[in-house]
Amino acid sequence: MLNQRSDKVELLRIAEAVAVEKSIDKEIILSSMESAIQKAAKTRFGSENNIRAKIDRESGDISLHKVLTVVDSAENLDTEISIQEAIKIQDKENLKVGDEIFEELPPVDFGRIAAQTARQVITQSVRAAERERQYNDFIDKKGEILSGIVKRLEYGNVIIDLNRSEAIIRKEETIPREILKNGDRVKAYCYDVIRENKGQQIFLTRANPKFMEKLFFQEVPEIYDGIIEIKSSARDPGSRAKICVSSKDSSIDPVGACVGMRGSRVQSVVNELSGEKIDIVHWSEDVAALVVSALAPAEIQKVIIDEQNRRLEAILSEENLSKAIGRRGQNVRLASKLINYEIDILTEKEESEKRQLEFKEKTEIFVKNLEVDETLGQLLVAEGFSTIEEISKASSEDISKIEAIDENTAKELKERAKEYLVKEKENIEKKLKDLGVDDNLINHKGLTPGMLLTLGEKKIKTLKDFAELSTDELIGGYDEKKGVKFKIEGYLEEFALTKNEADNLIINARDIVFK
């Protein structure tokens, strides 16, 4: 019998013990016990009955009641009672349809099966409460470094014991060539906590740049205090890393503070990262100065920046080429991630040859399409004109300022440029028609005739075809697979669209097509 004195006391003791052991609210345990008793009671009195159990929080007394709903005329006697019968039982005149009355049931002597069912319900409830408690404990630790002991290894993944829970470091999130054994104490960065049916999943990483940043946060008091700020970081886990820092206090050297006395601070981070070499770079608003620091120890002679496309060219001597690129392109790859610019490394010779080739190509375009001599074509390029469209839009006065070009020649150049553009437009329109490019795509705001021709040749002929493209497909980009970076060729890459412009073109097309 559950309501014997010893049973009652033991019930409260069990609830208290489980609550303390599992770090769960005692009320949750008692509620789960009530649910278990209700379920067991239904096996005794019939599952069709609505039974409620109540445990007195002070004495441990257990009461069982059959819940009946008041109706005008009872059809199901297991769950309903007529209002006339309800008034007789409760002796209340104010009862109304929809009210509930509670009919007391005798104490239950649970059999083996009922007791087993009750234990299962309690176990499930406790596990659910424990999972919820663990999730709430760790969701706040997302973005922090956690410390635990290696419990086991599973197919390259590392399972970490965090005392009251388990976490996983996936194979790709471990440091390459790092050997972790059962019982080793390790630190890792918590990048995600997911609630699942079987319990929360805590995901850790030792390969992410954020792990290195948090280690510096712990080792450098100035970073913790907010005096020094980590601007960006990049890693080739287990090999080399770069971190960019700046100081809000001009009297404090951010690089020196991160290095520490005799390298003590940075060495602590290096040791935790299994000997990973770390370059600490002083942040600068000047992109040119920043890339020079990021590519150290290579000495950069000149930097040409394309801010619109976030690309730059670093020009250096032949003897600095290997230093700038690094082993297997490591140095330039990490520098590119650090400053968020695509970096092209060129020697002085390569840069000179590139400029000469560009100069020659532009000159040839002017000579061929404007019917001018080579000298005049070279003059136009030398003065900064890159396209025929630029000449057509320039004023005669600006063109005539060029040495050896008088006002009449300037006007003639403008007329020839305009005539060429009209003919070019007509030719493109004919080609678009021959290619079968849809009018809706032709009329899409922001696409030039040249862009449309290129798209048509690439089988992008309708606005729907265009709307289904990604930004990278349109302007090109870079992707990484298994640590190897590769180039994605864009359909309109040659037209130097910015990412913003490409995004707007695609979004506007989708608004029309998929609205």
Protein backbone atom coordinates (compact mmCIF):
# COMPACT_ATOMS: atom_id res chain seq x y z
CA MET A 1 0.00 0.00 0.00
CA LEU A 2 1.33 3.44 -0.96
CA ASN A 3 -0.22 5.30 1.92
CA GLN A 4 1.55 3.44 4.67
CA ARG A 5 3.63 5.74 6.85
CA SER A 6 6.97 4.28 5.76
CA ASP A 7 5.96 4.45 2.09
CA LYS A 8 4.97 8.10 2.36
CA VAL A 9 8.23 9.12 4.01
CA GLU A 10 10.25 7.07 1.55
CA LEU A 11 8.44 8.68 -1.39
CA LEU A 12 9.48 12.18 -0.33
CA ARG A 13 13.03 11.00 0.40
CA ILE A 14 13.34 9.49 -3.08
CA ALA A 15 12.09 12.72 -4.68
CA GLU A 16 14.57 14.76 -2.65
CA ALA A 17 17.49 12.42 -3.45
CA VAL A 18 16.78 12.32 -7.21
CA ALA A 19 16.39 16.11 -7.32
CA VAL A 20 19.77 16.62 -5.64
CA GLU A 21 21.54 13.95 -7.71
CA LYS A 22 20.26 15.18 -11.08
CA SER A 23 20.22 18.90 -10.18
CA ILE A 24 16.53 19.03 -11.04
CA ASP A 25 13.74 20.91 -9.26
CA LYS A 26 12.05 18.65 -6.68
CA GLU A 27 8.65 19.78 -7.98
CA ILE A 28 9.43 18.20 -11.38
CA ILE A 29 10.20 14.87 -9.70
CA LEU A 30 6.98 14.93 -7.66
CA SER A 31 4.93 15.90 -10.74
CA SER A 32 6.42 12.96 -12.67
CA MET A 33 5.56 10.67 -9.73
CA GLU A 34 1.97 11.90 -9.84
CA SER A 35 1.84 11.15 -13.57
CA ALA A 36 3.25 7.68 -12.91
CA ILE A 37 0.69 6.98 -10.17
CA GLN A 38 -2.11 8.17 -12.49
CA LYS A 39 -0.95 5.83 -15.22
CA ALA A 40 -0.64 2.89 -12.81
CA ALA A 41 -4.08 3.65 -11.34
CA LYS A 42 -5.63 3.50 -14.79
CA THR A 43 -4.47 -0.10 -15.11
CA ARG A 44 -6.38 -0.81 -11.87
CA PHE A 45 -9.59 1.18 -12.48
CA GLY A 46 -9.67 1.18 -16.29
CA SER A 47 -7.91 3.29 -18.90
CA GLU A 48 -11.19 4.90 -19.97
CA ASN A 49 -11.32 6.78 -16.66
CA ASN A 50 -9.87 10.26 -16.16
CA ILE A 51 -7.83 9.82 -12.96
CA ARG A 52 -5.78 12.41 -11.13
CA ALA A 53 -3.23 11.73 -8.42
CA LYS A 54 -2.00 14.27 -5.86
CA ILE A 55 0.99 13.93 -3.52
CA ASP A 56 0.91 16.15 -0.47
CA ARG A 57 4.20 18.06 -0.49
CA GLU A 58 4.39 18.12 3.34
CA SER A 59 3.10 14.74 4.50
CA GLY A 60 3.58 12.58 1.43
CA ASP A 61 -0.11 11.53 1.48
CA ILE A 62 -1.36 10.30 -1.89
CA SER A 63 -4.92 10.94 -2.99
CA LEU A 64 -6.62 9.52 -6.06
CA HIS A 65 -9.70 11.04 -7.69
CA LYS A 66 -11.86 10.17 -10.65
CA VAL A 67 -12.59 13.34 -12.64
CA LEU A 68 -16.13 13.65 -14.05
CA THR A 69 -17.39 16.43 -16.30
CA VAL A 70 -20.85 17.86 -15.53
CA VAL A 71 -23.30 17.56 -18.49
CA ASP A 72 -27.07 17.83 -19.02
CA SER A 73 -27.42 14.15 -19.78
CA ALA A 74 -24.54 11.72 -19.19
CA GLU A 75 -23.79 9.29 -22.00
CA ASN A 76 -20.30 8.11 -20.98
CA LEU A 77 -20.55 7.25 -17.28
CA ASP A 78 -16.77 6.83 -17.02
CA THR A 79 -16.05 10.49 -17.74
CA GLU A 80 -19.44 12.29 -17.48
CA ILE A 81 -22.07 12.90 -14.85
CA SER A 82 -25.48 14.53 -15.12
CA ILE A 83 -25.95 17.82 -13.36
CA GLN A 84 -28.65 16.30 -11.10
CA GLU A 85 -26.34 13.51 -9.89
CA ALA A 86 -23.47 15.96 -9.46
CA ILE A 87 -25.56 18.17 -7.16
CA LYS A 88 -26.42 15.15 -5.03
CA ILE A 89 -22.75 14.16 -4.65
CA GLN A 90 -21.30 17.62 -4.12
CA ASP A 91 -24.35 19.13 -2.38
CA LYS A 92 -23.81 22.37 -4.23
CA GLU A 93 -26.54 24.34 -5.94
CA ASN A 94 -24.21 26.53 -8.06
CA LEU A 95 -22.85 23.69 -10.21
CA LYS A 96 -23.18 24.24 -13.96
CA VAL A 97 -22.56 22.32 -17.17
CA GLY A 98 -18.83 22.09 -17.93
CA ASP A 99 -17.69 22.01 -14.29
CA GLU A 100 -15.60 19.13 -13.01
CA ILE A 101 -16.22 17.13 -9.87
CA PHE A 102 -13.77 14.82 -8.15
CA GLU A 103 -14.87 11.40 -6.93
CA GLU A 104 -12.40 9.99 -4.39
CA LEU A 105 -10.99 6.54 -5.13
CA PRO A 106 -9.67 4.00 -2.61
CA PRO A 107 -5.91 3.60 -2.09
CA VAL A 108 -4.22 1.38 -4.66
CA ASP A 109 -2.01 -1.58 -3.94
CA PHE A 110 0.07 -1.56 -7.12
CA GLY A 111 0.90 -4.86 -8.72
CA ARG A 112 4.20 -5.72 -10.37
CA ILE A 113 3.18 -4.50 -13.85
CA ALA A 114 1.68 -1.27 -12.58
CA ALA A 115 4.75 -0.53 -10.48
CA GLN A 116 7.00 -1.18 -13.46
CA THR A 117 4.93 1.18 -15.60
CA ALA A 118 5.19 3.83 -12.91
CA ARG A 119 8.98 3.48 -12.76
CA GLN A 120 9.19 3.89 -16.56
CA VAL A 121 7.12 7.09 -16.48
CA ILE A 122 9.24 8.54 -13.67
CA THR A 123 12.47 7.60 -15.46
CA GLN A 124 11.31 9.21 -18.72
CA SER A 125 10.19 12.38 -16.96
CA VAL A 126 13.45 12.67 -15.03
CA ARG A 127 15.50 12.14 -18.20
CA ALA A 128 13.48 14.80 -20.06
CA ALA A 129 13.95 17.26 -17.18
CA GLU A 130 17.65 16.44 -17.03
CA ARG A 131 18.04 17.05 -20.77
CA GLU A 132 16.26 20.39 -20.48
CA ARG A 133 18.44 21.38 -17.53
CA GLN A 134 21.62 20.43 -19.37
CA TYR A 135 20.50 22.34 -22.49
CA ASN A 136 19.80 25.47 -20.43
CA ASP A 137 23.18 25.09 -18.73
CA PHE A 138 25.15 24.89 -21.98
CA ILE A 139 23.23 27.18 -24.33
CA ASP A 140 24.71 30.10 -22.38
CA LYS A 141 28.19 28.66 -22.90
CA LYS A 142 27.95 28.90 -26.68
CA GLY A 143 30.88 31.00 -27.87
CA GLU A 144 33.03 30.09 -24.85
CA ILE A 145 35.97 27.74 -24.23
CA LEU A 146 34.99 24.54 -22.42
CA SER A 147 37.34 22.13 -20.70
CA GLY A 148 36.75 18.40 -20.42
CA ILE A 149 38.27 14.93 -20.49
CA VAL A 150 38.50 12.72 -23.57
CA LYS A 151 36.01 9.92 -22.94
CA ARG A 152 36.29 7.95 -26.18
CA LEU A 153 37.14 8.16 -29.89
CA GLU A 154 34.54 7.31 -32.56
CA TYR A 155 35.59 7.20 -36.23
CA GLY A 156 37.91 10.18 -35.83
CA ASN A 157 35.39 12.13 -33.72
CA VAL A 158 36.34 12.89 -30.11
CA ILE A 159 33.74 12.55 -27.34
CA ILE A 160 34.44 14.89 -24.42
CA ASP A 161 33.15 14.39 -20.88
CA LEU A 162 32.07 17.78 -19.49
CA ASN A 163 31.23 16.34 -16.05
CA ARG A 164 27.43 16.44 -16.33
CA SER A 165 27.19 16.12 -20.08
CA GLU A 166 29.01 15.00 -23.22
CA ALA A 167 30.26 17.04 -26.17
CA ILE A 168 31.68 16.11 -29.55
CA ILE A 169 34.66 17.40 -31.52
CA ARG A 170 34.07 16.29 -35.09
CA LYS A 171 37.02 14.96 -37.06
CA GLU A 172 37.15 18.09 -39.25
CA GLU A 173 37.16 20.30 -36.14
CA THR A 174 40.25 18.67 -34.62
CA ILE A 175 43.79 19.93 -35.19
CA PRO A 176 45.44 17.80 -37.89
CA ARG A 177 48.10 15.38 -36.66
CA GLU A 178 47.13 16.10 -33.03
CA ILE A 179 46.88 12.85 -31.04
CA LEU A 180 44.22 12.81 -28.30
CA LYS A 181 43.91 9.80 -26.01
CA ASN A 182 41.34 8.63 -23.48
CA GLY A 183 41.78 10.52 -20.24
CA ASP A 184 43.48 13.59 -21.80
CA ARG A 185 42.18 16.94 -20.57
CA VAL A 186 41.46 19.27 -23.50
CA LYS A 187 40.11 22.74 -24.16
CA ALA A 188 37.84 23.53 -27.10
CA TYR A 189 35.57 26.30 -28.38
CA CYS A 190 31.80 25.69 -28.17
CA TYR A 191 30.33 26.84 -31.49
CA ASP A 192 26.86 25.29 -31.28
CA VAL A 193 24.36 23.69 -28.89
CA ILE A 194 21.38 21.91 -30.44
CA ARG A 195 18.31 20.53 -28.63
CA GLU A 196 17.53 16.96 -29.79
CA ASN A 197 15.10 14.22 -28.70
CA LYS A 198 17.87 12.15 -27.18
CA GLY A 199 19.36 15.18 -25.46
CA GLN A 200 21.32 18.25 -26.39
CA GLN A 201 24.26 18.05 -28.78
CA ILE A 202 27.23 20.19 -27.78
CA PHE A 203 29.60 20.84 -30.66
CA LEU A 204 33.19 21.84 -29.96
CA THR A 205 36.10 22.84 -32.19
CA ARG A 206 39.86 23.19 -31.86
CA ALA A 207 40.36 24.15 -35.52
CA ASN A 208 38.18 27.27 -35.76
CA PRO A 209 39.91 30.72 -35.64
CA LYS A 210 37.48 31.66 -32.84
CA PHE A 211 39.23 29.12 -30.58
CA MET A 212 42.53 30.96 -31.02
CA GLU A 213 40.83 34.32 -30.42
CA LYS A 214 39.33 33.08 -27.13
CA LEU A 215 42.72 31.76 -26.01
CA PHE A 216 44.21 35.23 -26.54
CA PHE A 217 41.20 36.62 -24.66
CA GLN A 218 42.20 34.46 -21.68
CA GLU A 219 45.94 35.11 -21.90
CA VAL A 220 46.00 38.86 -22.62
CA PRO A 221 44.39 41.03 -19.90
CA GLU A 222 44.25 44.03 -22.26
CA ILE A 223 41.97 42.06 -24.62
CA TYR A 224 39.78 40.95 -21.70
CA ASP A 225 39.50 44.57 -20.53
CA GLY A 226 38.58 45.78 -24.03
CA ILE A 227 41.69 47.96 -24.46
CA ILE A 228 42.96 45.77 -27.30
CA GLU A 229 40.51 44.54 -29.93
CA ILE A 230 40.86 41.47 -32.16
CA LYS A 231 39.84 42.67 -35.63
CA SER A 232 40.13 39.39 -37.55
CA SER A 233 41.92 36.06 -37.63
CA ALA A 234 42.72 33.21 -39.98
CA ARG A 235 44.11 29.72 -39.39
CA ASP A 236 45.62 26.78 -41.13
CA PRO A 237 45.07 24.49 -38.10
CA GLY A 238 48.18 22.83 -36.77
CA SER A 239 50.48 24.79 -39.08
CA ARG A 240 50.12 28.58 -39.12
CA ALA A 241 47.76 31.35 -38.12
CA LYS A 242 47.40 35.12 -38.35
CA ILE A 243 45.58 37.43 -35.97
CA CYS A 244 44.97 41.14 -36.46
CA VAL A 245 44.79 43.41 -33.39
CA SER A 246 44.36 47.11 -32.64
CA SER A 247 44.61 49.23 -29.49
CA LYS A 248 42.16 51.86 -28.23
CA ASP A 249 45.01 53.31 -26.14
CA SER A 250 47.79 54.81 -28.24
CA SER A 251 50.29 54.21 -25.43
CA ILE A 252 49.80 50.43 -25.65
CA ASP A 253 51.39 48.41 -28.44
CA PRO A 254 48.78 45.73 -29.31
CA VAL A 255 51.32 43.39 -30.93
CA GLY A 256 53.74 43.63 -27.98
CA ALA A 257 50.93 43.08 -25.47
CA CYS A 258 49.81 39.91 -27.28
CA VAL A 259 53.38 38.61 -27.51
CA GLY A 260 54.05 39.25 -23.82
CA MET A 261 57.29 39.34 -21.87
CA ARG A 262 59.78 37.13 -23.74
CA GLY A 263 56.87 35.76 -25.77
CA SER A 264 55.18 34.20 -22.75
CA ARG A 265 51.59 35.07 -23.72
CA VAL A 266 51.71 34.00 -27.35
CA GLN A 267 53.69 30.90 -26.39
CA SER A 268 50.87 29.75 -24.10
CA VAL A 269 48.48 29.96 -27.06
CA VAL A 270 50.97 28.21 -29.36
CA ASN A 271 51.33 25.34 -26.87
CA GLU A 272 47.55 24.90 -26.66
CA LEU A 273 47.38 24.82 -30.49
CA SER A 274 49.99 22.05 -30.73
CA GLY A 275 52.84 24.28 -31.86
CA GLU A 276 50.90 26.29 -34.47
CA LYS A 277 52.97 29.29 -35.60
CA ILE A 278 51.11 32.57 -35.00
CA ASP A 279 51.74 35.90 -36.81
CA ILE A 280 50.35 38.91 -34.92
CA VAL A 281 49.48 41.78 -37.28
CA HIS A 282 48.91 45.44 -36.32
CA TRP A 283 45.55 46.59 -37.68
CA SER A 284 45.43 49.65 -39.94
CA GLU A 285 42.55 51.47 -41.66
CA ASP A 286 44.91 51.85 -44.63
CA VAL A 287 44.40 48.66 -46.67
CA ALA A 288 47.80 49.03 -48.34
CA ALA A 289 49.60 49.24 -44.97
CA LEU A 290 47.54 46.33 -43.66
CA VAL A 291 48.41 44.00 -46.55
CA VAL A 292 52.09 44.88 -46.20
CA SER A 293 51.94 43.74 -42.54
CA ALA A 294 49.81 40.70 -43.35
CA LEU A 295 52.25 39.42 -46.00
CA ALA A 296 55.32 39.76 -43.78
CA PRO A 297 58.14 38.73 -43.88
CA ALA A 298 57.88 39.52 -47.61
CA GLU A 299 58.72 43.13 -48.52
CA ILE A 300 55.99 44.69 -50.68
CA GLN A 301 56.99 47.51 -53.03
CA LYS A 302 53.61 48.60 -54.36
CA VAL A 303 49.93 47.83 -53.75
CA ILE A 304 47.17 48.42 -56.29
CA ILE A 305 43.70 48.30 -54.70
CA ASP A 306 40.32 47.63 -56.32
CA GLU A 307 37.96 48.52 -53.45
CA GLN A 308 34.81 47.91 -55.48
CA ASN A 309 35.62 44.24 -56.08
CA ARG A 310 37.71 43.87 -52.91
CA ARG A 311 40.77 42.75 -54.86
CA LEU A 312 44.33 44.00 -54.73
CA GLU A 313 47.66 43.40 -56.38
CA ALA A 314 50.81 43.20 -54.29
CA ILE A 315 53.91 44.05 -56.34
CA LEU A 316 57.29 42.83 -55.10
CA SER A 317 60.73 41.78 -56.19
CA GLU A 318 61.56 38.30 -57.46
CA GLU A 319 63.47 37.36 -54.30
CA ASN A 320 60.40 38.16 -52.12
CA LEU A 321 57.97 36.12 -54.22
CA SER A 322 58.35 32.81 -52.35
CA LYS A 323 58.09 34.56 -48.95
CA ALA A 324 54.84 36.28 -49.94
CA ILE A 325 53.23 33.14 -51.30
CA GLY A 326 54.48 30.84 -48.55
CA ARG A 327 54.53 27.07 -48.47
CA ARG A 328 51.74 25.81 -50.75
CA GLY A 329 50.33 29.35 -50.92
CA GLN A 330 49.76 29.41 -47.16
CA ASN A 331 50.98 32.95 -46.41
CA VAL A 332 48.98 34.73 -49.11
CA ARG A 333 45.91 32.55 -48.42
CA LEU A 334 45.87 33.43 -44.70
CA ALA A 335 46.57 37.11 -45.45
CA SER A 336 43.63 37.14 -47.88
CA LYS A 337 41.27 35.74 -45.22
CA LEU A 338 42.67 38.15 -42.62
CA ILE A 339 42.00 41.36 -44.55
CA ASN A 340 39.01 40.03 -46.57
CA TYR A 341 40.55 40.93 -49.94
CA GLU A 342 41.52 38.69 -52.83
CA ILE A 343 45.28 39.13 -53.19
CA ASP A 344 47.18 38.71 -56.46
CA ILE A 345 50.94 38.44 -56.04
CA LEU A 346 52.94 39.90 -58.94
CA THR A 347 56.63 40.45 -59.48
CA GLU A 348 57.78 43.79 -60.86
CA LYS A 349 58.36 42.14 -64.22
CA GLU A 350 54.91 40.51 -64.29
CA GLU A 351 53.24 43.75 -63.30
CA SER A 352 55.08 45.65 -66.03
CA GLU A 353 54.11 43.04 -68.62
CA LYS A 354 50.50 43.12 -67.47
CA ARG A 355 50.26 46.91 -67.74
CA GLN A 356 51.89 46.85 -71.17
CA LEU A 357 49.44 44.21 -72.37
CA GLU A 358 46.45 46.18 -71.02
CA PHE A 359 47.81 49.35 -72.67
CA LYS A 360 48.24 47.54 -75.99
CA GLU A 361 44.74 45.99 -75.89
CA LYS A 362 43.03 49.32 -75.15
CA THR A 363 45.04 51.05 -77.87
CA GLU A 364 44.05 48.40 -80.41
CA ILE A 365 40.36 48.85 -79.54
CA PHE A 366 40.57 52.61 -80.17
CA VAL A 367 42.58 52.18 -83.38
CA LYS A 368 40.20 49.57 -84.80
CA ASN A 369 36.81 51.00 -83.81
CA LEU A 370 37.47 54.76 -83.92
CA GLU A 371 39.69 54.54 -87.03
CA VAL A 372 42.56 56.53 -85.52
CA ASP A 373 46.30 56.01 -85.82
CA GLU A 374 48.26 54.15 -83.17
CA THR A 375 49.84 57.29 -81.73
CA LEU A 376 46.44 58.91 -81.07
CA GLY A 377 45.13 55.66 -79.57
CA GLN A 378 48.11 55.53 -77.22
CA LEU A 379 47.55 59.16 -76.21
CA LEU A 380 43.94 58.43 -75.27
CA VAL A 381 44.92 55.39 -73.15
CA ALA A 382 47.75 57.31 -71.50
CA GLU A 383 45.28 60.02 -70.45
CA GLY A 384 43.09 57.48 -68.67
CA PHE A 385 40.45 56.56 -71.26
CA SER A 386 39.67 52.84 -71.03
CA THR A 387 36.53 52.42 -73.13
CA ILE A 388 34.85 53.98 -76.15
CA GLU A 389 31.85 54.81 -73.97
CA GLU A 390 34.08 57.01 -71.77
CA ILE A 391 35.15 58.99 -74.86
CA SER A 392 31.52 59.44 -75.99
CA LYS A 393 30.54 60.83 -72.58
CA ALA A 394 33.58 63.09 -72.15
CA SER A 395 33.31 66.74 -73.17
CA SER A 396 35.14 68.05 -76.24
CA GLU A 397 36.98 70.48 -73.97
CA ASP A 398 38.38 67.67 -71.80
CA ILE A 399 39.54 65.68 -74.83
CA SER A 400 41.11 68.74 -76.50
CA LYS A 401 43.25 69.31 -73.39
CA ILE A 402 45.29 66.28 -74.44
CA GLU A 403 48.49 67.32 -76.17
CA ALA A 404 48.29 67.08 -80.00
CA ILE A 405 44.45 66.93 -79.99
CA ASP A 406 42.65 70.10 -81.09
CA GLU A 407 38.96 70.90 -80.60
CA ASN A 408 37.90 69.68 -84.07
CA THR A 409 39.67 66.36 -83.56
CA ALA A 410 38.02 66.03 -80.13
CA LYS A 411 34.56 66.56 -81.64
CA GLU A 412 35.30 64.07 -84.40
CA LEU A 413 36.41 61.46 -81.82
CA LYS A 414 33.18 61.95 -79.86
CA GLU A 415 31.08 61.54 -83.02
CA ARG A 416 32.92 58.38 -84.04
CA ALA A 417 32.52 56.98 -80.52
CA LYS A 418 28.76 57.64 -80.58
CA GLU A 419 28.39 56.12 -84.06
CA TYR A 420 30.30 53.03 -82.97
CA LEU A 421 28.12 52.57 -79.86
CA VAL A 422 24.91 52.87 -81.92
CA LYS A 423 26.14 50.25 -84.42
CA GLU A 424 27.35 48.02 -81.58
CA LYS A 425 23.93 48.25 -79.92
CA GLU A 426 22.17 47.30 -83.18
CA ASN A 427 24.53 44.36 -83.69
CA ILE A 428 23.96 43.14 -80.13
CA GLU A 429 20.17 43.46 -80.47
CA LYS A 430 20.31 41.32 -83.63
CA LYS A 431 22.52 38.74 -81.92
CA LEU A 432 20.15 38.65 -78.91
CA LYS A 433 17.22 38.00 -81.24
CA ASP A 434 19.16 35.24 -83.03
CA LEU A 435 20.05 33.68 -79.66
CA GLY A 436 16.39 33.75 -78.58
CA VAL A 437 16.88 35.95 -75.50
CA ASP A 438 13.48 36.80 -73.96
CA ASP A 439 12.27 40.43 -73.91
CA ASN A 440 11.67 40.28 -70.14
CA LEU A 441 15.36 39.57 -69.60
CA ILE A 442 16.40 42.23 -72.14
CA ASN A 443 14.28 44.82 -70.32
CA HIS A 444 15.52 43.84 -66.84
CA LYS A 445 16.91 47.00 -65.25
CA GLY A 446 20.66 46.96 -64.68
CA LEU A 447 21.67 44.55 -67.46
CA THR A 448 23.69 46.11 -70.27
CA PRO A 449 23.58 44.86 -73.90
CA GLY A 450 27.02 43.32 -73.45
CA MET A 451 25.86 41.47 -70.33
CA LEU A 452 22.76 40.21 -72.11
CA LEU A 453 24.83 38.92 -75.03
CA THR A 454 27.16 37.04 -72.66
CA LEU A 455 24.18 35.56 -70.79
CA GLY A 456 22.53 34.49 -74.06
CA GLU A 457 25.71 32.74 -75.18
CA LYS A 458 25.74 30.91 -71.79
CA LYS A 459 22.12 29.68 -72.40
CA ILE A 460 20.65 32.12 -69.85
CA LYS A 461 17.77 33.31 -72.07
CA THR A 462 14.79 34.05 -69.80
CA LEU A 463 14.24 36.11 -66.67
CA LYS A 464 13.47 32.84 -64.83
CA ASP A 465 16.85 31.41 -65.89
CA PHE A 466 18.50 34.55 -64.52
CA ALA A 467 16.50 34.52 -61.26
CA GLU A 468 17.66 30.97 -60.51
CA LEU A 469 21.35 31.97 -60.61
CA SER A 470 23.44 32.47 -57.47
CA THR A 471 25.67 35.50 -56.92
CA ASP A 472 28.84 33.41 -57.34
CA GLU A 473 27.52 32.04 -60.66
CA LEU A 474 27.01 35.61 -61.84
CA ILE A 475 30.21 37.38 -60.77
CA GLY A 476 32.49 34.52 -59.77
CA GLY A 477 34.06 33.79 -56.43
CA TYR A 478 36.04 31.30 -54.45
CA ASP A 479 35.06 28.12 -52.65
CA GLU A 480 37.00 25.75 -50.46
CA LYS A 481 36.84 21.97 -50.41
CA LYS A 482 38.95 19.85 -48.07
CA GLY A 483 41.18 22.84 -47.39
CA VAL A 484 41.81 23.52 -51.09
CA LYS A 485 40.59 26.85 -52.45
CA PHE A 486 39.30 26.91 -56.02
CA LYS A 487 37.96 29.59 -58.37
CA ILE A 488 34.32 29.78 -59.48
CA GLU A 489 34.04 31.41 -62.92
CA GLY A 490 31.18 33.92 -63.14
CA TYR A 491 29.05 34.48 -66.26
CA LEU A 492 29.42 38.28 -65.96
CA GLU A 493 32.82 38.35 -64.27
CA GLU A 494 34.38 40.50 -67.03
CA PHE A 495 31.88 43.32 -66.36
CA ALA A 496 33.25 43.97 -62.83
CA LEU A 497 29.89 43.94 -61.03
CA THR A 498 30.05 44.35 -57.27
CA LYS A 499 28.47 41.72 -55.01
CA ASN A 500 25.81 44.25 -54.00
CA GLU A 501 24.92 45.00 -57.60
CA ALA A 502 24.76 41.29 -58.46
CA ASP A 503 22.57 40.56 -55.42
CA ASN A 504 20.14 43.35 -56.35
CA LEU A 505 19.90 42.16 -59.96
CA ILE A 506 19.06 38.61 -58.88
CA ILE A 507 16.67 39.63 -56.06
CA ASN A 508 14.73 41.99 -58.37
CA ALA A 509 14.42 39.21 -60.95
CA ARG A 510 13.14 36.77 -58.29
CA ASP A 511 10.58 39.35 -57.10
CA ILE A 512 9.16 39.47 -60.64
CA VAL A 513 9.35 35.75 -61.46
CA PHE A 514 8.34 34.17 -58.13
CA LYS A 515 5.92 36.76 -56.71
